[in-house]
Amino acid sequence: MNEPRSASTVMRIEADHPALAGHFPGRPVIPGVVLLDRIAALAELAGLGQLRRIAMLKFLSPALPEQVLELQIEREGMRARFAVKRDGQTILRGEGEMT
């Protein structure tokens, strides 16, 4: 039986999410830690393992509340590549180690 190698999902962070209160008042931006938490949860839910360490992370554009975002993660051996996209454009990309 082949183990899963990749997973993706679509998500939206609502404007009343508690993490947005101080990040930034008047012009909220989804904190990177919220996006990374969702990527780690996707990996576990899909049976890819746990994201143990982030080796590289690049924020290319801010994610705003209510935007539809696509999360993607691909595992190869112990390494994983992940991305967050909005309207097909990558706004976050990174690499890490899996357990």
N, C-alpha and C. Protein backbone atom coordinates (compact mmCIF):
# COMPACT_ATOMS: atom_id res chain seq x y z
N MET A 1 0.84 -1.19 0.00
CA MET A 1 0.00 0.00 0.00
C MET A 1 0.88 1.25 0.00
N ASN A 2 0.60 2.20 -0.89
CA ASN A 2 1.38 3.43 -0.98
C ASN A 2 0.94 4.43 0.06
N GLU A 3 1.91 5.05 0.70
CA GLU A 3 1.56 6.08 1.68
C GLU A 3 1.32 7.39 0.93
N PRO A 4 0.46 8.26 1.44
CA PRO A 4 0.18 9.53 0.77
C PRO A 4 1.44 10.37 0.63
N ARG A 5 1.57 11.05 -0.47
CA ARG A 5 2.74 11.89 -0.74
C ARG A 5 2.40 13.36 -0.83
N SER A 6 1.12 13.69 -1.02
CA SER A 6 0.74 15.11 -1.11
C SER A 6 -0.70 15.28 -0.67
N ALA A 7 -1.02 16.52 -0.32
CA ALA A 7 -2.38 16.85 0.09
C ALA A 7 -2.62 18.32 -0.17
N SER A 8 -3.88 18.66 -0.35
CA SER A 8 -4.25 20.07 -0.50
C SER A 8 -5.67 20.27 0.04
N THR A 9 -5.96 21.49 0.38
CA THR A 9 -7.28 21.85 0.85
C THR A 9 -7.49 23.34 0.63
N VAL A 10 -8.72 23.74 0.71
CA VAL A 10 -9.07 25.16 0.60
C VAL A 10 -9.58 25.61 1.95
N MET A 11 -9.21 26.82 2.35
CA MET A 11 -9.65 27.34 3.65
C MET A 11 -9.91 28.84 3.57
N ARG A 12 -10.57 29.32 4.61
CA ARG A 12 -10.83 30.76 4.73
C ARG A 12 -10.81 31.08 6.21
N ILE A 13 -10.06 32.10 6.59
CA ILE A 13 -10.02 32.57 7.98
C ILE A 13 -11.01 33.72 8.08
N GLU A 14 -11.96 33.56 8.97
CA GLU A 14 -13.01 34.57 9.12
C GLU A 14 -12.48 35.80 9.83
N ALA A 15 -13.12 36.93 9.57
CA ALA A 15 -12.68 38.22 10.10
C ALA A 15 -12.73 38.29 11.62
N ASP A 16 -13.51 37.43 12.27
CA ASP A 16 -13.59 37.46 13.73
C ASP A 16 -12.67 36.43 14.40
N HIS A 17 -11.73 35.86 13.66
CA HIS A 17 -10.78 34.90 14.24
C HIS A 17 -9.99 35.61 15.34
N PRO A 18 -9.83 34.98 16.51
CA PRO A 18 -9.16 35.62 17.65
C PRO A 18 -7.73 36.09 17.36
N ALA A 19 -7.02 35.44 16.47
CA ALA A 19 -5.63 35.82 16.18
C ALA A 19 -5.52 37.15 15.45
N LEU A 20 -6.62 37.62 14.89
CA LEU A 20 -6.58 38.86 14.11
C LEU A 20 -6.69 40.12 14.98
N ALA A 21 -7.13 39.97 16.20
CA ALA A 21 -7.40 41.13 17.06
C ALA A 21 -6.21 42.07 17.17
N GLY A 22 -5.02 41.58 17.32
CA GLY A 22 -3.86 42.45 17.46
C GLY A 22 -2.93 42.41 16.27
N HIS A 23 -3.39 41.94 15.15
CA HIS A 23 -2.48 41.68 14.02
C HIS A 23 -3.05 42.19 12.71
N PHE A 24 -3.29 43.26 12.38
CA PHE A 24 -3.00 44.59 12.91
C PHE A 24 -4.31 45.35 13.00
N PRO A 25 -4.57 46.04 14.08
CA PRO A 25 -5.84 46.75 14.25
C PRO A 25 -6.11 47.71 13.09
N GLY A 26 -7.33 47.63 12.57
CA GLY A 26 -7.72 48.48 11.46
C GLY A 26 -7.40 47.90 10.09
N ARG A 27 -6.42 47.03 9.99
CA ARG A 27 -6.05 46.37 8.73
C ARG A 27 -5.49 44.99 9.05
N PRO A 28 -6.37 44.07 9.44
CA PRO A 28 -5.90 42.75 9.89
C PRO A 28 -5.24 41.93 8.78
N VAL A 29 -4.21 41.23 9.19
CA VAL A 29 -3.47 40.30 8.34
C VAL A 29 -3.44 38.97 9.08
N ILE A 30 -3.61 37.88 8.37
CA ILE A 30 -3.57 36.56 9.01
C ILE A 30 -2.12 36.29 9.44
N PRO A 31 -1.90 36.06 10.74
CA PRO A 31 -0.53 35.78 11.21
C PRO A 31 0.03 34.52 10.56
N GLY A 32 1.32 34.55 10.27
CA GLY A 32 1.99 33.40 9.67
C GLY A 32 1.83 32.13 10.49
N VAL A 33 1.82 32.27 11.81
CA VAL A 33 1.69 31.10 12.67
C VAL A 33 0.35 30.40 12.45
N VAL A 34 -0.70 31.15 12.13
CA VAL A 34 -2.00 30.54 11.84
C VAL A 34 -1.93 29.73 10.55
N LEU A 35 -1.28 30.27 9.54
CA LEU A 35 -1.13 29.55 8.27
C LEU A 35 -0.28 28.29 8.45
N LEU A 36 0.81 28.41 9.20
CA LEU A 36 1.67 27.25 9.44
C LEU A 36 0.96 26.18 10.25
N ASP A 37 0.15 26.59 11.21
CA ASP A 37 -0.64 25.64 11.98
C ASP A 37 -1.59 24.86 11.07
N ARG A 38 -2.21 25.56 10.13
CA ARG A 38 -3.13 24.88 9.20
C ARG A 38 -2.39 23.94 8.26
N ILE A 39 -1.19 24.31 7.84
CA ILE A 39 -0.39 23.43 6.99
C ILE A 39 0.00 22.17 7.76
N ALA A 40 0.45 22.34 9.01
CA ALA A 40 0.82 21.18 9.84
C ALA A 40 -0.38 20.28 10.07
N ALA A 41 -1.55 20.87 10.32
CA ALA A 41 -2.76 20.08 10.53
C ALA A 41 -3.14 19.32 9.27
N LEU A 42 -3.01 19.94 8.11
CA LEU A 42 -3.30 19.27 6.84
C LEU A 42 -2.39 18.06 6.66
N ALA A 43 -1.11 18.21 6.94
CA ALA A 43 -0.16 17.10 6.80
C ALA A 43 -0.58 15.92 7.67
N GLU A 44 -0.92 16.20 8.92
CA GLU A 44 -1.31 15.13 9.83
C GLU A 44 -2.62 14.48 9.40
N LEU A 45 -3.60 15.30 9.06
CA LEU A 45 -4.90 14.78 8.64
C LEU A 45 -4.80 13.89 7.40
N ALA A 46 -3.88 14.24 6.50
CA ALA A 46 -3.72 13.50 5.26
C ALA A 46 -2.83 12.27 5.42
N GLY A 47 -2.29 12.07 6.63
CA GLY A 47 -1.44 10.91 6.85
C GLY A 47 -0.02 11.08 6.35
N LEU A 48 0.41 12.33 6.18
CA LEU A 48 1.77 12.59 5.70
C LEU A 48 2.79 12.62 6.84
N GLY A 49 2.32 12.66 8.08
CA GLY A 49 3.22 12.75 9.23
C GLY A 49 3.13 14.12 9.87
N GLN A 50 4.04 14.36 10.80
CA GLN A 50 4.07 15.64 11.50
C GLN A 50 5.18 16.51 10.96
N LEU A 51 4.87 17.78 10.79
CA LEU A 51 5.88 18.75 10.40
C LEU A 51 6.73 19.03 11.63
N ARG A 52 7.96 18.57 11.61
CA ARG A 52 8.82 18.62 12.79
C ARG A 52 9.66 19.89 12.85
N ARG A 53 10.12 20.35 11.71
CA ARG A 53 11.00 21.51 11.67
C ARG A 53 10.81 22.24 10.36
N ILE A 54 10.84 23.55 10.41
CA ILE A 54 10.76 24.36 9.19
C ILE A 54 12.17 24.82 8.85
N ALA A 55 12.63 24.47 7.66
CA ALA A 55 13.98 24.79 7.24
C ALA A 55 14.03 26.09 6.44
N MET A 56 12.96 26.42 5.74
CA MET A 56 12.91 27.62 4.91
C MET A 56 11.47 28.08 4.84
N LEU A 57 11.27 29.38 4.94
CA LEU A 57 9.93 29.95 4.86
C LEU A 57 10.01 31.32 4.22
N LYS A 58 9.15 31.56 3.24
CA LYS A 58 9.15 32.83 2.53
C LYS A 58 7.71 33.32 2.40
N PHE A 59 7.45 34.50 2.94
CA PHE A 59 6.15 35.15 2.79
C PHE A 59 6.25 36.09 1.59
N LEU A 60 5.44 35.88 0.57
CA LEU A 60 5.51 36.67 -0.66
C LEU A 60 4.44 37.75 -0.71
N SER A 61 3.36 37.55 0.02
CA SER A 61 2.24 38.49 0.02
C SER A 61 1.39 38.21 1.26
N PRO A 62 0.78 39.24 1.86
CA PRO A 62 -0.04 38.98 3.04
C PRO A 62 -1.34 38.26 2.69
N ALA A 63 -1.79 37.45 3.64
CA ALA A 63 -3.10 36.79 3.53
C ALA A 63 -4.07 37.60 4.40
N LEU A 64 -5.21 37.93 3.84
CA LEU A 64 -6.19 38.75 4.54
C LEU A 64 -7.40 37.91 4.94
N PRO A 65 -8.10 38.33 5.99
CA PRO A 65 -9.30 37.61 6.41
C PRO A 65 -10.31 37.52 5.27
N GLU A 66 -11.05 36.43 5.25
CA GLU A 66 -12.12 36.17 4.29
C GLU A 66 -11.63 35.77 2.91
N GLN A 67 -10.34 35.79 2.66
CA GLN A 67 -9.83 35.35 1.36
C GLN A 67 -9.84 33.82 1.31
N VAL A 68 -10.12 33.28 0.15
CA VAL A 68 -10.05 31.84 -0.06
C VAL A 68 -8.60 31.50 -0.37
N LEU A 69 -8.04 30.61 0.45
CA LEU A 69 -6.64 30.22 0.32
C LEU A 69 -6.54 28.73 0.07
N GLU A 70 -5.62 28.33 -0.78
CA GLU A 70 -5.37 26.92 -1.03
C GLU A 70 -4.06 26.53 -0.36
N LEU A 71 -4.11 25.50 0.48
CA LEU A 71 -2.92 24.98 1.14
C LEU A 71 -2.49 23.72 0.42
N GLN A 72 -1.18 23.60 0.19
CA GLN A 72 -0.64 22.42 -0.46
C GLN A 72 0.59 21.95 0.30
N ILE A 73 0.75 20.65 0.41
CA ILE A 73 1.96 20.09 0.99
C ILE A 73 2.32 18.82 0.24
N GLU A 74 3.61 18.64 0.00
CA GLU A 74 4.11 17.47 -0.72
C GLU A 74 5.29 16.91 0.06
N ARG A 75 5.25 15.63 0.33
CA ARG A 75 6.31 14.97 1.08
C ARG A 75 7.15 14.09 0.16
N GLU A 76 8.46 14.17 0.36
CA GLU A 76 9.39 13.29 -0.35
C GLU A 76 10.42 12.82 0.68
N GLY A 77 10.33 11.56 1.07
CA GLY A 77 11.17 11.06 2.16
C GLY A 77 10.83 11.80 3.44
N MET A 78 11.83 12.35 4.09
CA MET A 78 11.62 13.10 5.33
C MET A 78 11.42 14.59 5.07
N ARG A 79 11.54 15.02 3.84
CA ARG A 79 11.41 16.43 3.48
C ARG A 79 10.01 16.73 2.99
N ALA A 80 9.58 17.96 3.21
CA ALA A 80 8.27 18.40 2.72
C ALA A 80 8.40 19.79 2.15
N ARG A 81 7.64 20.04 1.11
CA ARG A 81 7.49 21.38 0.54
C ARG A 81 6.04 21.76 0.71
N PHE A 82 5.80 23.02 1.07
CA PHE A 82 4.43 23.46 1.26
C PHE A 82 4.25 24.86 0.70
N ALA A 83 2.99 25.18 0.42
CA ALA A 83 2.67 26.49 -0.15
C ALA A 83 1.24 26.88 0.24
N VAL A 84 1.02 28.17 0.26
CA VAL A 84 -0.32 28.74 0.38
C VAL A 84 -0.51 29.61 -0.85
N LYS A 85 -1.63 29.41 -1.52
CA LYS A 85 -1.92 30.17 -2.74
C LYS A 85 -3.24 30.92 -2.61
N ARG A 86 -3.31 32.05 -3.26
CA ARG A 86 -4.53 32.84 -3.36
C ARG A 86 -4.74 33.13 -4.84
N ASP A 87 -5.89 32.73 -5.36
CA ASP A 87 -6.20 32.93 -6.78
C ASP A 87 -5.10 32.38 -7.68
N GLY A 88 -4.52 31.24 -7.29
CA GLY A 88 -3.49 30.59 -8.09
C GLY A 88 -2.09 31.15 -7.90
N GLN A 89 -1.95 32.24 -7.15
CA GLN A 89 -0.65 32.86 -6.94
C GLN A 89 -0.10 32.46 -5.57
N THR A 90 1.15 32.03 -5.53
CA THR A 90 1.77 31.62 -4.28
C THR A 90 2.01 32.85 -3.40
N ILE A 91 1.51 32.78 -2.15
CA ILE A 91 1.73 33.89 -1.22
C ILE A 91 2.64 33.47 -0.06
N LEU A 92 2.85 32.16 0.11
CA LEU A 92 3.76 31.63 1.12
C LEU A 92 4.30 30.32 0.59
N ARG A 93 5.58 30.10 0.79
CA ARG A 93 6.17 28.81 0.42
C ARG A 93 7.24 28.45 1.43
N GLY A 94 7.45 27.16 1.59
CA GLY A 94 8.44 26.74 2.55
C GLY A 94 8.82 25.29 2.40
N GLU A 95 9.81 24.89 3.19
CA GLU A 95 10.28 23.52 3.23
C GLU A 95 10.52 23.14 4.67
N GLY A 96 10.39 21.85 4.96
CA GLY A 96 10.62 21.40 6.32
C GLY A 96 10.90 19.92 6.40
N GLU A 97 11.06 19.45 7.62
CA GLU A 97 11.30 18.03 7.90
C GLU A 97 10.06 17.43 8.52
N MET A 98 9.77 16.20 8.15
CA MET A 98 8.62 15.47 8.66
C MET A 98 9.11 14.34 9.58
N THR A 99 8.21 13.92 10.47
CA THR A 99 8.55 12.75 11.31
C THR A 99 8.07 11.50 10.63
